[in-house]
Amino acid sequence: MATDTGTPLPLFPLQTVLFPGGLLGLKVFEARYVDLVTRCLRERTAFGVICLRQGVEAGRGPVALEPVGALAHIDEVDSEQAGILRVRCHGGSRFALDGDPVQQAGGLWTAPVQPVEDDPAEVPDPAMLGTVQALAQAIANLRTQGQLPFLEPYRLDDAGWVANRWCEILPIPLAAKQKLMALESPGLRLKIVDEYLRGKQVVS
C-alpha cells in the first residue's frame, strides 16, 4: 500500500466503485482535491477512492462511506483551464476503513485504513469459459469503436481480472458493484458475474 499503516489516507469519495486494475478519469476543480492531486504528484503517493453510500461528491456536509475502497494511482494530469485538472488514474490495492473518517479544515476527508489482500492469481474455472470469451469479444468490439476502457495487458487467464472488468461495464447498481469489489474470493466474484450473464442470456 502506498501509505504508511496508521497514517490517515486522504479520501476522494465518489458515486462510483474503483476496482483494482481499473481506469478512472476525474475532472478536479475543488480546491481540496486540486491540492490533493498536486501533493500526490509531488510525493508520488496514492489517494483512496471510496464509494459514497450517502451524501454528495461536491461541497461539504455529512456523508456515509462504504467500508472498502481502492487506492488511486495517478497516471496523467492535464490542466484543462485555470483551476481545473483532468486526472487519469488506475486502481491499486484495496483498503478497509479502520476508523471513522474525519473531514479536515480544508474539506478533505481522511481516515485510518488497513490494507486488504490482493486477489490471488486464479485461473478461471473451465465452466466460466463462455464469460471469459464474451469479455474478449467485448474488448475487440470496443477497440473497433476506438475505445480502450481497460489497461493492458489483458489478463484473460486471471479470474479476478476478468470479474473486475465485467463489473466495471455491467449495468448493475453501485451497491452490487461495491459488494463484488469487496469480495475476497476472485473465483466467487467471477461465478456471480457468470450467473448474472447467463441469467441475462449474454452467455449461454
C-alpha atoms as a PDB file:
ATOM      1  CA  MET A   1       0.000   0.000   0.000  1.00  0.00           C
ATOM      2  CA  ALA A   2       1.251   3.456  -0.899  1.00  0.00           C
ATOM      3  CA  THR A   3       0.552   4.868   2.539  1.00  0.00           C
ATOM      4  CA  ASP A   4       2.026   4.011   5.907  1.00  0.00           C
ATOM      5  CA  THR A   5      -0.190   1.852   8.081  1.00  0.00           C
ATOM      6  CA  GLY A   6      -1.592   4.056  10.809  1.00  0.00           C
ATOM      7  CA  THR A   7      -1.231   7.222   8.738  1.00  0.00           C
ATOM      8  CA  PRO A   8      -4.663   8.558   7.713  1.00  0.00           C
ATOM      9  CA  LEU A   9      -5.269   8.110   3.998  1.00  0.00           C
ATOM     10  CA  PRO A  10      -6.695  11.056   2.026  1.00  0.00           C
ATOM     11  CA  LEU A  11     -10.014  10.029   0.516  1.00  0.00           C
ATOM     12  CA  PHE A  12     -11.873  11.035  -2.623  1.00  0.00           C
ATOM     13  CA  PRO A  13     -15.499   9.941  -2.073  1.00  0.00           C
ATOM     14  CA  LEU A  14     -17.274   9.296  -5.378  1.00  0.00           C
ATOM     15  CA  GLN A  15     -20.501   7.824  -6.637  1.00  0.00           C
ATOM     16  CA  THR A  16     -18.519   5.120  -8.352  1.00  0.00           C
ATOM     17  CA  VAL A  17     -16.621   1.953  -7.441  1.00  0.00           C
ATOM     18  CA  LEU A  18     -12.944   1.753  -8.382  1.00  0.00           C
ATOM     19  CA  PHE A  19     -11.711  -1.782  -8.940  1.00  0.00           C
ATOM     20  CA  PRO A  20      -8.057  -2.853  -8.716  1.00  0.00           C
ATOM     21  CA  GLY A  21      -6.598  -2.573 -12.193  1.00  0.00           C
ATOM     22  CA  GLY A  22      -9.421  -0.316 -13.352  1.00  0.00           C
ATOM     23  CA  LEU A  23      -9.247   3.079 -15.038  1.00  0.00           C
ATOM     24  CA  LEU A  24     -10.671   6.245 -13.533  1.00  0.00           C
ATOM     25  CA  GLY A  25     -10.941   9.668 -15.111  1.00  0.00           C
ATOM     26  CA  LEU A  26     -11.578  12.678 -12.884  1.00  0.00           C
ATOM     27  CA  LYS A  27     -12.375  16.310 -13.524  1.00  0.00           C
ATOM     28  CA  VAL A  28     -10.952  18.049 -10.475  1.00  0.00           C
ATOM     29  CA  PHE A  29     -11.830  21.630  -9.637  1.00  0.00           C
ATOM     30  CA  GLU A  30     -12.488  21.860  -5.898  1.00  0.00           C
ATOM     31  CA  ALA A  31      -9.510  23.365  -4.073  1.00  0.00           C
ATOM     32  CA  ARG A  32      -9.252  20.441  -1.636  1.00  0.00           C
ATOM     33  CA  TYR A  33      -8.875  17.944  -4.470  1.00  0.00           C
ATOM     34  CA  VAL A  34      -6.634  20.129  -6.622  1.00  0.00           C
ATOM     35  CA  ASP A  35      -4.350  20.355  -3.587  1.00  0.00           C
ATOM     36  CA  LEU A  36      -4.621  16.587  -3.077  1.00  0.00           C
ATOM     37  CA  VAL A  37      -3.642  15.791  -6.673  1.00  0.00           C
ATOM     38  CA  THR A  38      -0.761  18.263  -6.515  1.00  0.00           C
ATOM     39  CA  ARG A  39       0.530  16.709  -3.301  1.00  0.00           C
ATOM     40  CA  CYS A  40       0.205  13.149  -4.620  1.00  0.00           C
ATOM     41  CA  LEU A  41       2.150  14.086  -7.745  1.00  0.00           C
ATOM     42  CA  ARG A  42       4.863  15.778  -5.714  1.00  0.00           C
ATOM     43  CA  GLU A  43       5.178  12.970  -3.180  1.00  0.00           C
ATOM     44  CA  ARG A  44       4.418  10.141  -5.626  1.00  0.00           C
ATOM     45  CA  THR A  45       1.705   8.758  -3.403  1.00  0.00           C
ATOM     46  CA  ALA A  46      -1.804   7.467  -3.975  1.00  0.00           C
ATOM     47  CA  PHE A  47      -5.134   8.575  -2.577  1.00  0.00           C
ATOM     48  CA  GLY A  48      -8.144   6.483  -1.676  1.00  0.00           C
ATOM     49  CA  VAL A  49     -11.281   6.297  -3.796  1.00  0.00           C
ATOM     50  CA  ILE A  50     -14.269   5.134  -1.829  1.00  0.00           C
ATOM     51  CA  CYS A  51     -17.903   4.866  -2.840  1.00  0.00           C
ATOM     52  CA  LEU A  52     -20.468   7.188  -1.311  1.00  0.00           C
ATOM     53  CA  ARG A  53     -23.339   5.369   0.297  1.00  0.00           C
ATOM     54  CA  GLN A  54     -24.958   8.667   1.263  1.00  0.00           C
ATOM     55  CA  GLY A  55     -24.128  12.307   0.550  1.00  0.00           C
ATOM     56  CA  VAL A  56     -22.770  14.198  -2.457  1.00  0.00           C
ATOM     57  CA  GLU A  57     -19.375  14.336  -4.125  1.00  0.00           C
ATOM     58  CA  ALA A  58     -19.062  18.127  -4.218  1.00  0.00           C
ATOM     59  CA  GLY A  59     -19.367  20.514  -1.328  1.00  0.00           C
ATOM     60  CA  ARG A  60     -19.465  19.764   2.351  1.00  0.00           C
ATOM     61  CA  GLY A  61     -21.902  18.066   4.640  1.00  0.00           C
ATOM     62  CA  PRO A  62     -22.483  14.646   6.162  1.00  0.00           C
ATOM     63  CA  VAL A  63     -21.528  11.593   4.118  1.00  0.00           C
ATOM     64  CA  ALA A  64     -21.712   7.852   4.640  1.00  0.00           C
ATOM     65  CA  LEU A  65     -18.887   5.885   3.042  1.00  0.00           C
ATOM     66  CA  GLU A  66     -18.640   2.237   2.085  1.00  0.00           C
ATOM     67  CA  PRO A  67     -16.186   0.278   4.264  1.00  0.00           C
ATOM     68  CA  VAL A  68     -13.836  -0.821   1.444  1.00  0.00           C
ATOM     69  CA  GLY A  69     -12.185   1.269  -1.278  1.00  0.00           C
ATOM     70  CA  ALA A  70      -9.201   1.137  -3.615  1.00  0.00           C
ATOM     71  CA  LEU A  71      -6.060   3.198  -3.975  1.00  0.00           C
ATOM     72  CA  ALA A  72      -5.937   5.509  -6.999  1.00  0.00           C
ATOM     73  CA  HIS A  73      -2.510   5.950  -8.605  1.00  0.00           C
ATOM     74  CA  ILE A  74      -2.184   8.994 -10.836  1.00  0.00           C
ATOM     75  CA  ASP A  75      -1.035   8.296 -14.408  1.00  0.00           C
ATOM     76  CA  GLU A  76      -1.636  11.612 -16.170  1.00  0.00           C
ATOM     77  CA  VAL A  77      -2.729  15.133 -15.272  1.00  0.00           C
ATOM     78  CA  ASP A  78      -3.735  17.808 -17.762  1.00  0.00           C
ATOM     79  CA  SER A  79      -4.630  21.372 -16.910  1.00  0.00           C
ATOM     80  CA  GLU A  80      -7.773  21.927 -18.944  1.00  0.00           C
ATOM     81  CA  GLN A  81      -8.003  25.545 -17.818  1.00  0.00           C
ATOM     82  CA  ALA A  82      -7.039  27.562 -14.784  1.00  0.00           C
ATOM     83  CA  GLY A  83      -8.144  25.731 -11.656  1.00  0.00           C
ATOM     84  CA  ILE A  84      -9.428  22.616 -13.473  1.00  0.00           C
ATOM     85  CA  LEU A  85      -7.460  19.381 -13.783  1.00  0.00           C
ATOM     86  CA  ARG A  86      -8.181  16.314 -15.887  1.00  0.00           C
ATOM     87  CA  VAL A  87      -6.744  13.376 -13.988  1.00  0.00           C
ATOM     88  CA  ARG A  88      -6.295   9.805 -15.228  1.00  0.00           C
ATOM     89  CA  CYS A  89      -5.753   7.163 -12.550  1.00  0.00           C
ATOM     90  CA  HIS A  90      -5.607   3.418 -12.237  1.00  0.00           C
ATOM     91  CA  GLY A  91      -6.895   1.345  -9.360  1.00  0.00           C
ATOM     92  CA  GLY A  92      -4.422  -0.255  -6.993  1.00  0.00           C
ATOM     93  CA  SER A  93      -4.795  -2.345  -3.875  1.00  0.00           C
ATOM     94  CA  ARG A  94      -7.953  -2.338  -1.804  1.00  0.00           C
ATOM     95  CA  PHE A  95      -8.176  -0.965   1.714  1.00  0.00           C
ATOM     96  CA  ALA A  96     -10.689  -1.130   4.544  1.00  0.00           C
ATOM     97  CA  LEU A  97     -11.590   1.755   6.793  1.00  0.00           C
ATOM     98  CA  ASP A  98     -10.072   1.236  10.221  1.00  0.00           C
ATOM     99  CA  GLY A  99     -11.816   4.104  11.976  1.00  0.00           C
ATOM    100  CA  ASP A 100     -14.222   6.946  11.408  1.00  0.00           C
ATOM    101  CA  PRO A 101     -13.462   9.305   8.502  1.00  0.00           C
ATOM    102  CA  VAL A 102     -12.594  12.853   9.551  1.00  0.00           C
ATOM    103  CA  GLN A 103     -13.154  15.962   7.459  1.00  0.00           C
ATOM    104  CA  GLN A 104     -10.187  18.306   7.694  1.00  0.00           C
ATOM    105  CA  ALA A 105     -10.443  22.081   7.927  1.00  0.00           C
ATOM    106  CA  GLY A 106      -9.983  22.412   4.158  1.00  0.00           C
ATOM    107  CA  GLY A 107     -12.766  19.932   3.481  1.00  0.00           C
ATOM    108  CA  LEU A 108     -10.650  16.894   2.616  1.00  0.00           C
ATOM    109  CA  TRP A 109     -11.747  13.584   4.105  1.00  0.00           C
ATOM    110  CA  THR A 110      -9.144  11.306   5.656  1.00  0.00           C
ATOM    111  CA  ALA A 111      -9.391   8.025   7.539  1.00  0.00           C
ATOM    112  CA  PRO A 112      -7.145   5.369   9.077  1.00  0.00           C
ATOM    113  CA  VAL A 113      -7.165   2.289   6.870  1.00  0.00           C
ATOM    114  CA  GLN A 114      -5.889  -1.247   6.734  1.00  0.00           C
ATOM    115  CA  PRO A 115      -4.783  -2.986   3.523  1.00  0.00           C
ATOM    116  CA  VAL A 116      -6.946  -5.721   2.012  1.00  0.00           C
ATOM    117  CA  GLU A 117      -5.065  -8.611   0.436  1.00  0.00           C
ATOM    118  CA  ASP A 118      -4.814  -8.508  -3.342  1.00  0.00           C
ATOM    119  CA  ASP A 119      -6.665 -11.192  -5.268  1.00  0.00           C
ATOM    120  CA  PRO A 120      -4.590 -14.350  -5.500  1.00  0.00           C
ATOM    121  CA  ALA A 121      -3.817 -15.451  -9.056  1.00  0.00           C
ATOM    122  CA  GLU A 122      -6.555 -17.890 -10.008  1.00  0.00           C
ATOM    123  CA  VAL A 123      -7.252 -19.412 -13.412  1.00  0.00           C
ATOM    124  CA  PRO A 124     -10.950 -19.154 -14.342  1.00  0.00           C
ATOM    125  CA  ASP A 125     -12.910 -22.337 -13.863  1.00  0.00           C
ATOM    126  CA  PRO A 126     -13.459 -24.099 -17.220  1.00  0.00           C
ATOM    127  CA  ALA A 127     -17.204 -23.637 -16.683  1.00  0.00           C
ATOM    128  CA  MET A 128     -16.614 -19.875 -16.964  1.00  0.00           C
ATOM    129  CA  LEU A 129     -15.044 -20.117 -20.420  1.00  0.00           C
ATOM    130  CA  GLY A 130     -18.077 -18.523 -22.061  1.00  0.00           C
ATOM    131  CA  THR A 131     -17.813 -15.487 -19.780  1.00  0.00           C
ATOM    132  CA  VAL A 132     -14.094 -15.149 -20.486  1.00  0.00           C
ATOM    133  CA  GLN A 133     -14.670 -15.392 -24.240  1.00  0.00           C
ATOM    134  CA  ALA A 134     -17.526 -12.889 -24.071  1.00  0.00           C
ATOM    135  CA  LEU A 135     -15.221 -10.371 -22.377  1.00  0.00           C
ATOM    136  CA  ALA A 136     -12.570 -10.915 -25.047  1.00  0.00           C
ATOM    137  CA  GLN A 137     -15.230 -10.256 -27.702  1.00  0.00           C
ATOM    138  CA  ALA A 138     -16.441  -7.156 -25.862  1.00  0.00           C
ATOM    139  CA  ILE A 139     -12.870  -5.832 -25.763  1.00  0.00           C
ATOM    140  CA  ALA A 140     -12.478  -6.486 -29.509  1.00  0.00           C
ATOM    141  CA  ASN A 141     -15.749  -4.695 -30.257  1.00  0.00           C
ATOM    142  CA  LEU A 142     -14.783  -1.686 -28.145  1.00  0.00           C
ATOM    143  CA  ARG A 143     -11.379  -1.481 -29.833  1.00  0.00           C
ATOM    144  CA  THR A 144     -13.025  -1.282 -33.265  1.00  0.00           C
ATOM    145  CA  GLN A 145     -15.001   1.691 -31.928  1.00  0.00           C
ATOM    146  CA  GLY A 146     -11.786   3.382 -30.812  1.00  0.00           C
ATOM    147  CA  GLN A 147     -12.491   2.762 -27.140  1.00  0.00           C
ATOM    148  CA  LEU A 148      -9.881   1.367 -24.760  1.00  0.00           C
ATOM    149  CA  PRO A 149     -11.674   1.040 -21.424  1.00  0.00           C
ATOM    150  CA  PHE A 150      -9.144  -1.320 -19.839  1.00  0.00           C
ATOM    151  CA  LEU A 151      -5.455  -1.154 -19.066  1.00  0.00           C
ATOM    152  CA  GLU A 152      -3.182  -3.514 -20.942  1.00  0.00           C
ATOM    153  CA  PRO A 153      -2.029  -6.205 -20.627  1.00  0.00           C
ATOM    154  CA  TYR A 154      -5.368  -8.014 -20.733  1.00  0.00           C
ATOM    155  CA  ARG A 155      -5.258 -10.882 -18.251  1.00  0.00           C
ATOM    156  CA  LEU A 156      -7.972 -13.170 -19.536  1.00  0.00           C
ATOM    157  CA  ASP A 157      -6.324 -16.078 -17.699  1.00  0.00           C
ATOM    158  CA  ASP A 158      -6.930 -14.423 -14.321  1.00  0.00           C
ATOM    159  CA  ALA A 159     -10.345 -14.872 -12.668  1.00  0.00           C
ATOM    160  CA  GLY A 160     -10.123 -11.696 -10.602  1.00  0.00           C
ATOM    161  CA  TRP A 161      -9.140  -9.550 -13.589  1.00  0.00           C
ATOM    162  CA  VAL A 162     -11.961 -10.932 -15.746  1.00  0.00           C
ATOM    163  CA  ALA A 163     -14.524 -10.468 -12.982  1.00  0.00           C
ATOM    164  CA  ASN A 164     -13.364  -6.917 -12.241  1.00  0.00           C
ATOM    165  CA  ARG A 165     -13.555  -5.829 -15.866  1.00  0.00           C
ATOM    166  CA  TRP A 166     -17.060  -7.244 -16.243  1.00  0.00           C
ATOM    167  CA  CYS A 167     -18.146  -5.489 -13.046  1.00  0.00           C
ATOM    168  CA  GLU A 168     -16.948  -2.172 -14.474  1.00  0.00           C
ATOM    169  CA  ILE A 169     -19.045  -2.365 -17.630  1.00  0.00           C
ATOM    170  CA  LEU A 170     -22.170  -4.182 -16.453  1.00  0.00           C
ATOM    171  CA  PRO A 171     -25.258  -2.019 -15.782  1.00  0.00           C
ATOM    172  CA  ILE A 172     -25.657  -3.115 -12.173  1.00  0.00           C
ATOM    173  CA  PRO A 173     -26.335  -0.951  -9.097  1.00  0.00           C
ATOM    174  CA  LEU A 174     -23.435   0.677  -7.263  1.00  0.00           C
ATOM    175  CA  ALA A 175     -24.239  -1.330  -4.146  1.00  0.00           C
ATOM    176  CA  ALA A 176     -23.832  -4.566  -6.115  1.00  0.00           C
ATOM    177  CA  LYS A 177     -20.532  -3.397  -7.625  1.00  0.00           C
ATOM    178  CA  GLN A 178     -19.311  -2.473  -4.163  1.00  0.00           C
ATOM    179  CA  LYS A 179     -20.117  -5.914  -2.750  1.00  0.00           C
ATOM    180  CA  LEU A 180     -18.394  -7.624  -5.659  1.00  0.00           C
ATOM    181  CA  MET A 181     -15.289  -5.449  -5.361  1.00  0.00           C
ATOM    182  CA  ALA A 182     -15.038  -6.208  -1.639  1.00  0.00           C
ATOM    183  CA  LEU A 183     -15.316  -9.992  -2.096  1.00  0.00           C
ATOM    184  CA  GLU A 184     -12.057 -11.653  -1.144  1.00  0.00           C
ATOM    185  CA  SER A 185     -12.531 -14.656  -3.452  1.00  0.00           C
ATOM    186  CA  PRO A 186     -11.914 -13.833  -7.130  1.00  0.00           C
ATOM    187  CA  GLY A 187     -13.379 -17.189  -8.118  1.00  0.00           C
ATOM    188  CA  LEU A 188     -16.634 -16.436  -6.312  1.00  0.00           C
ATOM    189  CA  ARG A 189     -16.733 -12.934  -7.839  1.00  0.00           C
ATOM    190  CA  LEU A 190     -16.409 -14.416 -11.321  1.00  0.00           C
ATOM    191  CA  LYS A 191     -19.031 -17.070 -10.537  1.00  0.00           C
ATOM    192  CA  ILE A 192     -21.552 -14.369  -9.550  1.00  0.00           C
ATOM    193  CA  VAL A 193     -20.792 -12.424 -12.732  1.00  0.00           C
ATOM    194  CA  ASP A 194     -21.140 -15.622 -14.792  1.00  0.00           C
ATOM    195  CA  GLU A 195     -24.543 -16.359 -13.248  1.00  0.00           C
ATOM    196  CA  TYR A 196     -25.682 -12.808 -13.966  1.00  0.00           C
ATOM    197  CA  LEU A 197     -24.592 -13.004 -17.610  1.00  0.00           C
ATOM    198  CA  ARG A 198     -26.296 -16.367 -18.075  1.00  0.00           C
ATOM    199  CA  GLY A 199     -29.458 -15.006 -16.477  1.00  0.00           C
ATOM    200  CA  LYS A 200     -29.413 -12.131 -18.978  1.00  0.00           C
ATOM    201  CA  GLN A 201     -28.627 -14.617 -21.803  1.00  0.00           C
ATOM    202  CA  VAL A 202     -25.403 -12.779 -22.615  1.00  0.00           C
ATOM    203  CA  VAL A 203     -23.630 -16.110 -22.152  1.00  0.00           C
ATOM    204  CA  SER A 204     -25.213 -19.477 -22.843  1.00  0.00           C
END
